[in-house]
Amino acid sequence: MTYTLKQFAEMFHTTEHTLRYYTDINLLPCQRDKRNRRIFNEESVNWMQGISCLKGCGASIEDIKEYCELCHLPESRETLYARYQIILCQREQAYKRIEEAKTTAAYMDKKVKHYEQILSGIIPDDSNPETWTEDTRPEKH
């Protein structure tokens, strides 16, 4: 199966400009049709899935390019180990992002409960310093 630039961009929730850039820097393989338009196939899908995952971990374009270049080299213990090291590093970054997201979500849960208490009249609105009085000023932690 093949995909147009527009279809491929929609499939991966990215822009056509991004895909052109990826193909121009030889990060993402594509074919060209008779009118020289980019056409993507299942190989492109596999590469884009990898690129998307690495981006999701926070990898830079340079890191992703290095990984892809290593994948294209003849297989050797050295290139395999280098790819492995990149994946280990990116996995660590992914887990860090998960922890940061958990911390953010927990903070937002507390804020939601706080606003629900304000909206239900259980506590006064203490979120706006302009409206604080001695009775509503939040305690310093």
C-alpha atoms as a PDB file:
ATOM      1  CA  MET A   1       0.000   0.000   0.000  1.00  0.00           C
ATOM      2  CA  THR A   2       1.202   3.521  -0.736  1.00  0.00           C
ATOM      3  CA  TYR A   3       0.292   6.872   0.742  1.00  0.00           C
ATOM      4  CA  THR A   4       0.431  10.445  -0.515  1.00  0.00           C
ATOM      5  CA  LEU A   5       2.210  13.109   1.473  1.00  0.00           C
ATOM      6  CA  LYS A   6      -1.119  14.377   2.802  1.00  0.00           C
ATOM      7  CA  GLN A   7      -2.336  10.901   3.788  1.00  0.00           C
ATOM      8  CA  PHE A   8       0.958  10.128   5.504  1.00  0.00           C
ATOM      9  CA  ALA A   9       0.902  13.414   7.420  1.00  0.00           C
ATOM     10  CA  GLU A  10      -2.637  12.700   8.618  1.00  0.00           C
ATOM     11  CA  MET A  11      -1.706   9.143   9.588  1.00  0.00           C
ATOM     12  CA  PHE A  12       1.078  10.390  11.866  1.00  0.00           C
ATOM     13  CA  HIS A  13      -0.575  13.628  13.041  1.00  0.00           C
ATOM     14  CA  THR A  14       2.211  15.756  11.668  1.00  0.00           C
ATOM     15  CA  THR A  15       2.620  18.347   8.947  1.00  0.00           C
ATOM     16  CA  GLU A  16       3.502  17.884   5.318  1.00  0.00           C
ATOM     17  CA  HIS A  17       6.355  20.313   5.877  1.00  0.00           C
ATOM     18  CA  THR A  18       7.803  18.038   8.587  1.00  0.00           C
ATOM     19  CA  LEU A  19       7.630  15.021   6.292  1.00  0.00           C
ATOM     20  CA  ARG A  20       9.322  16.921   3.468  1.00  0.00           C
ATOM     21  CA  TYR A  21      12.070  17.894   5.889  1.00  0.00           C
ATOM     22  CA  TYR A  22      12.513  14.302   7.075  1.00  0.00           C
ATOM     23  CA  THR A  23      12.783  13.032   3.511  1.00  0.00           C
ATOM     24  CA  ASP A  24      15.122  15.860   2.504  1.00  0.00           C
ATOM     25  CA  ILE A  25      17.575  14.985   5.293  1.00  0.00           C
ATOM     26  CA  ASN A  26      17.287  11.269   4.453  1.00  0.00           C
ATOM     27  CA  LEU A  27      15.651  10.430   7.742  1.00  0.00           C
ATOM     28  CA  LEU A  28      12.501   9.015   6.168  1.00  0.00           C
ATOM     29  CA  PRO A  29      12.517   6.939   2.979  1.00  0.00           C
ATOM     30  CA  CYS A  30      10.026   7.676   0.223  1.00  0.00           C
ATOM     31  CA  GLN A  31       9.535   7.001  -3.459  1.00  0.00           C
ATOM     32  CA  ARG A  32       8.637   9.511  -6.156  1.00  0.00           C
ATOM     33  CA  ASP A  33       5.787   9.180  -8.620  1.00  0.00           C
ATOM     34  CA  LYS A  34       5.888  10.226 -12.291  1.00  0.00           C
ATOM     35  CA  ARG A  35       5.165  13.814 -11.292  1.00  0.00           C
ATOM     36  CA  ASN A  36       7.993  13.736  -8.693  1.00  0.00           C
ATOM     37  CA  ARG A  37       5.583  13.754  -5.738  1.00  0.00           C
ATOM     38  CA  ARG A  38       6.568  11.894  -2.596  1.00  0.00           C
ATOM     39  CA  ILE A  39       4.938   8.491  -2.133  1.00  0.00           C
ATOM     40  CA  PHE A  40       5.234   6.560   1.121  1.00  0.00           C
ATOM     41  CA  ASN A  41       5.022   2.798   1.581  1.00  0.00           C
ATOM     42  CA  GLU A  42       5.096   0.274   4.432  1.00  0.00           C
ATOM     43  CA  GLU A  43       8.842   0.738   4.864  1.00  0.00           C
ATOM     44  CA  SER A  44       8.166   4.446   5.347  1.00  0.00           C
ATOM     45  CA  VAL A  45       5.482   3.586   7.904  1.00  0.00           C
ATOM     46  CA  ASN A  46       7.969   1.474   9.904  1.00  0.00           C
ATOM     47  CA  TRP A  47      10.596   4.212   9.877  1.00  0.00           C
ATOM     48  CA  MET A  48       8.070   6.904  10.808  1.00  0.00           C
ATOM     49  CA  GLN A  49       6.827   4.836  13.741  1.00  0.00           C
ATOM     50  CA  GLY A  50      10.395   4.653  15.026  1.00  0.00           C
ATOM     51  CA  ILE A  51      10.980   8.355  14.435  1.00  0.00           C
ATOM     52  CA  SER A  52       7.740   9.225  16.224  1.00  0.00           C
ATOM     53  CA  CYS A  53       8.639   7.082  19.226  1.00  0.00           C
ATOM     54  CA  LEU A  54      12.098   8.587  19.493  1.00  0.00           C
ATOM     55  CA  LYS A  55      10.638  12.092  19.193  1.00  0.00           C
ATOM     56  CA  GLY A  56       8.129  11.194  21.896  1.00  0.00           C
ATOM     57  CA  CYS A  57      11.029  10.343  24.188  1.00  0.00           C
ATOM     58  CA  GLY A  58      12.486  13.776  23.568  1.00  0.00           C
ATOM     59  CA  ALA A  59      15.222  12.748  21.144  1.00  0.00           C
ATOM     60  CA  SER A  60      16.631  15.525  18.990  1.00  0.00           C
ATOM     61  CA  ILE A  61      16.608  15.287  15.207  1.00  0.00           C
ATOM     62  CA  GLU A  62      20.387  14.804  15.383  1.00  0.00           C
ATOM     63  CA  ASP A  63      19.970  11.838  17.750  1.00  0.00           C
ATOM     64  CA  ILE A  64      17.276  10.319  15.558  1.00  0.00           C
ATOM     65  CA  LYS A  65      19.410  10.837  12.468  1.00  0.00           C
ATOM     66  CA  GLU A  66      22.376   9.157  14.177  1.00  0.00           C
ATOM     67  CA  TYR A  67      20.192   6.193  15.119  1.00  0.00           C
ATOM     68  CA  CYS A  68      18.813   5.870  11.568  1.00  0.00           C
ATOM     69  CA  GLU A  69      22.296   6.115  10.068  1.00  0.00           C
ATOM     70  CA  LEU A  70      23.477   3.331  12.387  1.00  0.00           C
ATOM     71  CA  CYS A  71      20.530   1.203  11.231  1.00  0.00           C
ATOM     72  CA  HIS A  72      21.662   1.608   7.620  1.00  0.00           C
ATOM     73  CA  LEU A  73      25.254   0.574   8.285  1.00  0.00           C
ATOM     74  CA  PRO A  74      26.315  -3.030   7.777  1.00  0.00           C
ATOM     75  CA  GLU A  75      25.436  -4.954  10.895  1.00  0.00           C
ATOM     76  CA  SER A  76      28.266  -5.314  13.367  1.00  0.00           C
ATOM     77  CA  ARG A  77      28.590  -5.683  17.100  1.00  0.00           C
ATOM     78  CA  GLU A  78      29.692  -2.036  17.326  1.00  0.00           C
ATOM     79  CA  THR A  79      26.721  -0.597  15.417  1.00  0.00           C
ATOM     80  CA  LEU A  80      24.305  -2.873  17.245  1.00  0.00           C
ATOM     81  CA  TYR A  81      25.725  -1.740  20.594  1.00  0.00           C
ATOM     82  CA  ALA A  82      25.591   1.935  19.537  1.00  0.00           C
ATOM     83  CA  ARG A  83      21.906   1.581  18.574  1.00  0.00           C
ATOM     84  CA  TYR A  84      21.243  -0.218  21.852  1.00  0.00           C
ATOM     85  CA  GLN A  85      22.843   2.629  23.825  1.00  0.00           C
ATOM     86  CA  ILE A  86      20.660   5.196  22.037  1.00  0.00           C
ATOM     87  CA  ILE A  87      17.523   3.176  22.795  1.00  0.00           C
ATOM     88  CA  LEU A  88      18.529   2.770  26.453  1.00  0.00           C
ATOM     89  CA  CYS A  89      19.049   6.515  26.783  1.00  0.00           C
ATOM     90  CA  GLN A  90      15.728   7.314  25.123  1.00  0.00           C
ATOM     91  CA  ARG A  91      13.905   4.773  27.297  1.00  0.00           C
ATOM     92  CA  GLU A  92      15.303   6.534  30.358  1.00  0.00           C
ATOM     93  CA  GLN A  93      14.023   9.842  28.989  1.00  0.00           C
ATOM     94  CA  ALA A  94      10.588   8.295  28.400  1.00  0.00           C
ATOM     95  CA  TYR A  95      10.394   7.124  32.020  1.00  0.00           C
ATOM     96  CA  LYS A  96      11.446  10.576  33.233  1.00  0.00           C
ATOM     97  CA  ARG A  97       8.622  12.087  31.192  1.00  0.00           C
ATOM     98  CA  ILE A  98       6.187   9.627  32.733  1.00  0.00           C
ATOM     99  CA  GLU A  99       7.248  10.668  36.242  1.00  0.00           C
ATOM    100  CA  GLU A 100       6.971  14.351  35.342  1.00  0.00           C
ATOM    101  CA  ALA A 101       3.506  13.727  33.893  1.00  0.00           C
ATOM    102  CA  LYS A 102       2.440  11.893  37.069  1.00  0.00           C
ATOM    103  CA  THR A 103       3.627  14.802  39.212  1.00  0.00           C
ATOM    104  CA  THR A 104       1.797  17.285  37.006  1.00  0.00           C
ATOM    105  CA  ALA A 105      -1.388  15.189  37.030  1.00  0.00           C
ATOM    106  CA  ALA A 106      -1.281  14.908  40.843  1.00  0.00           C
ATOM    107  CA  TYR A 107      -0.902  18.680  41.139  1.00  0.00           C
ATOM    108  CA  MET A 108      -3.813  19.220  38.762  1.00  0.00           C
ATOM    109  CA  ASP A 109      -5.951  16.739  40.757  1.00  0.00           C
ATOM    110  CA  LYS A 110      -5.346  18.843  43.876  1.00  0.00           C
ATOM    111  CA  LYS A 111      -6.233  22.025  41.998  1.00  0.00           C
ATOM    112  CA  VAL A 112      -9.453  20.472  40.650  1.00  0.00           C
ATOM    113  CA  LYS A 113     -10.524  19.468  44.179  1.00  0.00           C
ATOM    114  CA  HIS A 114      -9.644  22.931  45.442  1.00  0.00           C
ATOM    115  CA  TYR A 115     -11.762  24.636  42.782  1.00  0.00           C
ATOM    116  CA  GLU A 116     -14.615  22.196  43.356  1.00  0.00           C
ATOM    117  CA  GLN A 117     -14.594  23.199  47.039  1.00  0.00           C
ATOM    118  CA  ILE A 118     -14.654  26.880  46.072  1.00  0.00           C
ATOM    119  CA  LEU A 119     -17.452  26.355  43.548  1.00  0.00           C
ATOM    120  CA  SER A 120     -19.555  24.395  46.033  1.00  0.00           C
ATOM    121  CA  GLY A 121     -19.131  27.107  48.684  1.00  0.00           C
ATOM    122  CA  ILE A 122     -17.177  24.921  51.105  1.00  0.00           C
ATOM    123  CA  ILE A 123     -14.239  27.350  51.116  1.00  0.00           C
ATOM    124  CA  PRO A 124     -13.856  30.949  49.910  1.00  0.00           C
ATOM    125  CA  ASP A 125     -11.995  31.751  46.692  1.00  0.00           C
ATOM    126  CA  ASP A 126      -8.429  32.094  47.873  1.00  0.00           C
ATOM    127  CA  SER A 127      -6.858  31.845  44.426  1.00  0.00           C
ATOM    128  CA  ASN A 128      -6.906  35.576  43.645  1.00  0.00           C
ATOM    129  CA  PRO A 129      -4.580  37.706  45.838  1.00  0.00           C
ATOM    130  CA  GLU A 130      -6.634  40.805  44.917  1.00  0.00           C
ATOM    131  CA  THR A 131      -9.599  39.435  46.877  1.00  0.00           C
ATOM    132  CA  TRP A 132      -7.758  38.088  49.919  1.00  0.00           C
ATOM    133  CA  THR A 133      -8.700  39.251  53.363  1.00  0.00           C
ATOM    134  CA  GLU A 134      -7.088  38.292  56.639  1.00  0.00           C
ATOM    135  CA  ASP A 135      -9.601  35.437  56.874  1.00  0.00           C
ATOM    136  CA  THR A 136      -9.073  34.108  53.333  1.00  0.00           C
ATOM    137  CA  ARG A 137      -5.318  34.526  52.950  1.00  0.00           C
ATOM    138  CA  PRO A 138      -3.825  31.060  52.322  1.00  0.00           C
ATOM    139  CA  GLU A 139      -1.331  29.753  54.819  1.00  0.00           C
ATOM    140  CA  LYS A 140       2.295  29.880  53.825  1.00  0.00           C
ATOM    141  CA  HIS A 141       3.865  26.434  53.588  1.00  0.00           C
END
